[in-house]
Amino acid sequence: MSSHSGPADESSKTELNHKLEELSELLNEPVMKSTARLSILITLALNTKLTFTELLTITSIGKGSLSNHIEKLASSGLVNVRTVFRSSGPRVIIEITEKGKLAYKKYSEILRYLI
């Protein structure tokens, strides 16, 4: 195996490093520093909206923690939370926002590039 280092290699390395910087910036945003919040965001990006109970089941995050993480995502504008009243009782619905979809898209595009 030869180690050829030419202009194309340097260009690829520069682009790779740029993508790594983008990923670091994204993950250094306070709301994205938590793997639990990232998991919630990814889950909602793939499902659009879920009930609190569905998110609880899918993510395996404890009730209190899930509630806190959802609150942080909502205050950052990444998700919307609303309560709907049904005959079986109230249901909390969590839905990803356009801002949340863009954050997920950016995150997934960077990961796809790196893989």
C-alpha atoms as a PDB file:
ATOM      1  CA  MET A   1       0.000   0.000   0.000  1.00  0.00           C
ATOM      2  CA  SER A   2       1.469   3.344  -0.983  1.00  0.00           C
ATOM      3  CA  SER A   3       0.881   6.535   0.889  1.00  0.00           C
ATOM      4  CA  HIS A   4       0.222   9.026  -1.865  1.00  0.00           C
ATOM      5  CA  SER A   5      -0.277  12.559  -0.685  1.00  0.00           C
ATOM      6  CA  GLY A   6      -1.493  14.782  -3.468  1.00  0.00           C
ATOM      7  CA  PRO A   7      -3.813  17.755  -3.879  1.00  0.00           C
ATOM      8  CA  ALA A   8      -6.926  15.545  -3.913  1.00  0.00           C
ATOM      9  CA  ASP A   9      -5.861  13.941  -0.636  1.00  0.00           C
ATOM     10  CA  GLU A  10      -5.315  17.331   0.999  1.00  0.00           C
ATOM     11  CA  SER A  11      -8.660  18.561  -0.312  1.00  0.00           C
ATOM     12  CA  SER A  12     -10.405  15.470   1.094  1.00  0.00           C
ATOM     13  CA  LYS A  13      -8.642  15.923   4.415  1.00  0.00           C
ATOM     14  CA  THR A  14      -9.647  19.589   4.551  1.00  0.00           C
ATOM     15  CA  GLU A  15     -13.288  18.706   3.829  1.00  0.00           C
ATOM     16  CA  LEU A  16     -13.201  15.916   6.421  1.00  0.00           C
ATOM     17  CA  ASN A  17     -11.816  18.278   9.045  1.00  0.00           C
ATOM     18  CA  HIS A  18     -14.449  20.862   8.138  1.00  0.00           C
ATOM     19  CA  LYS A  19     -17.204  18.269   8.686  1.00  0.00           C
ATOM     20  CA  LEU A  20     -15.651  17.272  12.021  1.00  0.00           C
ATOM     21  CA  GLU A  21     -15.655  20.937  13.062  1.00  0.00           C
ATOM     22  CA  GLU A  22     -19.334  21.228  12.073  1.00  0.00           C
ATOM     23  CA  LEU A  23     -20.160  18.128  14.114  1.00  0.00           C
ATOM     24  CA  SER A  24     -18.276  19.493  17.125  1.00  0.00           C
ATOM     25  CA  GLU A  25     -20.097  22.827  16.862  1.00  0.00           C
ATOM     26  CA  LEU A  26     -23.456  21.092  16.668  1.00  0.00           C
ATOM     27  CA  LEU A  27     -22.726  18.812  19.619  1.00  0.00           C
ATOM     28  CA  ASN A  28     -21.341  21.696  21.683  1.00  0.00           C
ATOM     29  CA  GLU A  29     -24.649  23.552  21.577  1.00  0.00           C
ATOM     30  CA  PRO A  30     -25.986  23.271  25.145  1.00  0.00           C
ATOM     31  CA  VAL A  31     -29.192  21.504  24.128  1.00  0.00           C
ATOM     32  CA  MET A  32     -27.281  18.914  22.076  1.00  0.00           C
ATOM     33  CA  LYS A  33     -24.698  18.048  24.735  1.00  0.00           C
ATOM     34  CA  SER A  34     -26.925  15.277  26.049  1.00  0.00           C
ATOM     35  CA  THR A  35     -27.099  11.886  24.356  1.00  0.00           C
ATOM     36  CA  ALA A  36     -30.620  11.543  25.776  1.00  0.00           C
ATOM     37  CA  ARG A  37     -31.780  14.735  24.027  1.00  0.00           C
ATOM     38  CA  LEU A  38     -30.078  13.638  20.828  1.00  0.00           C
ATOM     39  CA  SER A  39     -31.881  10.285  21.114  1.00  0.00           C
ATOM     40  CA  ILE A  40     -35.224  12.064  21.619  1.00  0.00           C
ATOM     41  CA  LEU A  41     -34.594  14.352  18.646  1.00  0.00           C
ATOM     42  CA  ILE A  42     -33.642  11.435  16.374  1.00  0.00           C
ATOM     43  CA  THR A  43     -36.668   9.426  17.527  1.00  0.00           C
ATOM     44  CA  LEU A  44     -38.996  12.342  16.807  1.00  0.00           C
ATOM     45  CA  ALA A  45     -37.337  13.066  13.460  1.00  0.00           C
ATOM     46  CA  LEU A  46     -38.130   9.504  12.406  1.00  0.00           C
ATOM     47  CA  ASN A  47     -41.668   9.523  13.854  1.00  0.00           C
ATOM     48  CA  THR A  48     -42.672  13.231  13.603  1.00  0.00           C
ATOM     49  CA  LYS A  49     -44.785  13.100  16.754  1.00  0.00           C
ATOM     50  CA  LEU A  50     -45.230  10.699  19.646  1.00  0.00           C
ATOM     51  CA  THR A  51     -46.975  10.594  22.974  1.00  0.00           C
ATOM     52  CA  PHE A  52     -44.908  10.957  26.115  1.00  0.00           C
ATOM     53  CA  THR A  53     -45.553   7.267  26.864  1.00  0.00           C
ATOM     54  CA  GLU A  54     -44.368   6.191  23.409  1.00  0.00           C
ATOM     55  CA  LEU A  55     -41.177   8.248  23.794  1.00  0.00           C
ATOM     56  CA  LEU A  56     -40.692   6.762  27.251  1.00  0.00           C
ATOM     57  CA  THR A  57     -40.912   3.237  25.818  1.00  0.00           C
ATOM     58  CA  ILE A  58     -38.719   3.849  22.768  1.00  0.00           C
ATOM     59  CA  THR A  59     -35.938   5.783  24.510  1.00  0.00           C
ATOM     60  CA  SER A  60     -35.919   3.921  27.858  1.00  0.00           C
ATOM     61  CA  ILE A  61     -35.282   7.236  29.621  1.00  0.00           C
ATOM     62  CA  GLY A  62     -36.845   7.626  33.076  1.00  0.00           C
ATOM     63  CA  LYS A  63     -40.052   9.701  33.382  1.00  0.00           C
ATOM     64  CA  GLY A  64     -38.476  12.613  35.250  1.00  0.00           C
ATOM     65  CA  SER A  65     -35.421  12.752  33.017  1.00  0.00           C
ATOM     66  CA  LEU A  66     -37.509  12.489  29.859  1.00  0.00           C
ATOM     67  CA  SER A  67     -39.719  15.318  31.044  1.00  0.00           C
ATOM     68  CA  ASN A  68     -36.673  17.530  31.773  1.00  0.00           C
ATOM     69  CA  HIS A  69     -35.045  16.742  28.424  1.00  0.00           C
ATOM     70  CA  ILE A  70     -38.270  17.465  26.530  1.00  0.00           C
ATOM     71  CA  GLU A  71     -38.567  20.782  28.373  1.00  0.00           C
ATOM     72  CA  LYS A  72     -35.031  21.750  27.282  1.00  0.00           C
ATOM     73  CA  LEU A  73     -35.697  20.725  23.677  1.00  0.00           C
ATOM     74  CA  ALA A  74     -38.956  22.703  23.720  1.00  0.00           C
ATOM     75  CA  SER A  75     -37.325  25.817  25.181  1.00  0.00           C
ATOM     76  CA  SER A  76     -34.754  25.639  22.364  1.00  0.00           C
ATOM     77  CA  GLY A  77     -37.534  25.443  19.784  1.00  0.00           C
ATOM     78  CA  LEU A  78     -36.644  21.931  18.619  1.00  0.00           C
ATOM     79  CA  VAL A  79     -39.920  20.308  19.727  1.00  0.00           C
ATOM     80  CA  ASN A  80     -43.476  21.368  20.545  1.00  0.00           C
ATOM     81  CA  VAL A  81     -45.375  19.896  23.468  1.00  0.00           C
ATOM     82  CA  ARG A  82     -49.151  19.901  23.745  1.00  0.00           C
ATOM     83  CA  THR A  83     -51.771  18.113  25.774  1.00  0.00           C
ATOM     84  CA  VAL A  84     -54.810  16.593  24.102  1.00  0.00           C
ATOM     85  CA  PHE A  85     -57.795  15.401  26.052  1.00  0.00           C
ATOM     86  CA  ARG A  86     -59.314  12.058  25.155  1.00  0.00           C
ATOM     87  CA  SER A  87     -62.013   9.977  26.815  1.00  0.00           C
ATOM     88  CA  SER A  88     -59.220   7.811  28.251  1.00  0.00           C
ATOM     89  CA  GLY A  89     -57.585  10.893  29.769  1.00  0.00           C
ATOM     90  CA  PRO A  90     -55.078  13.550  28.772  1.00  0.00           C
ATOM     91  CA  ARG A  91     -52.207  12.674  26.429  1.00  0.00           C
ATOM     92  CA  VAL A  92     -49.011  14.671  26.106  1.00  0.00           C
ATOM     93  CA  ILE A  93     -47.910  14.858  22.467  1.00  0.00           C
ATOM     94  CA  ILE A  94     -44.343  15.799  21.556  1.00  0.00           C
ATOM     95  CA  GLU A  95     -43.719  16.854  17.956  1.00  0.00           C
ATOM     96  CA  ILE A  96     -40.503  17.846  16.225  1.00  0.00           C
ATOM     97  CA  THR A  97     -40.458  21.407  14.833  1.00  0.00           C
ATOM     98  CA  GLU A  98     -38.958  22.618  11.558  1.00  0.00           C
ATOM     99  CA  LYS A  99     -35.959  23.830  13.563  1.00  0.00           C
ATOM    100  CA  GLY A 100     -35.656  20.346  15.080  1.00  0.00           C
ATOM    101  CA  LYS A 101     -35.888  18.733  11.643  1.00  0.00           C
ATOM    102  CA  LEU A 102     -33.120  21.011  10.357  1.00  0.00           C
ATOM    103  CA  ALA A 103     -30.887  20.148  13.331  1.00  0.00           C
ATOM    104  CA  TYR A 104     -31.497  16.428  12.740  1.00  0.00           C
ATOM    105  CA  LYS A 105     -30.860  16.810   9.002  1.00  0.00           C
ATOM    106  CA  LYS A 106     -27.582  18.634   9.618  1.00  0.00           C
ATOM    107  CA  TYR A 107     -26.482  16.032  12.180  1.00  0.00           C
ATOM    108  CA  SER A 108     -27.364  13.087   9.927  1.00  0.00           C
ATOM    109  CA  GLU A 109     -25.729  14.649   6.843  1.00  0.00           C
ATOM    110  CA  ILE A 110     -22.479  15.153   8.744  1.00  0.00           C
ATOM    111  CA  LEU A 111     -22.536  11.574  10.047  1.00  0.00           C
ATOM    112  CA  ARG A 112     -23.305  10.202   6.568  1.00  0.00           C
ATOM    113  CA  TYR A 113     -20.338  12.119   5.184  1.00  0.00           C
ATOM    114  CA  LEU A 114     -18.037  10.813   7.912  1.00  0.00           C
ATOM    115  CA  ILE A 115     -19.137   7.209   7.455  1.00  0.00           C
END
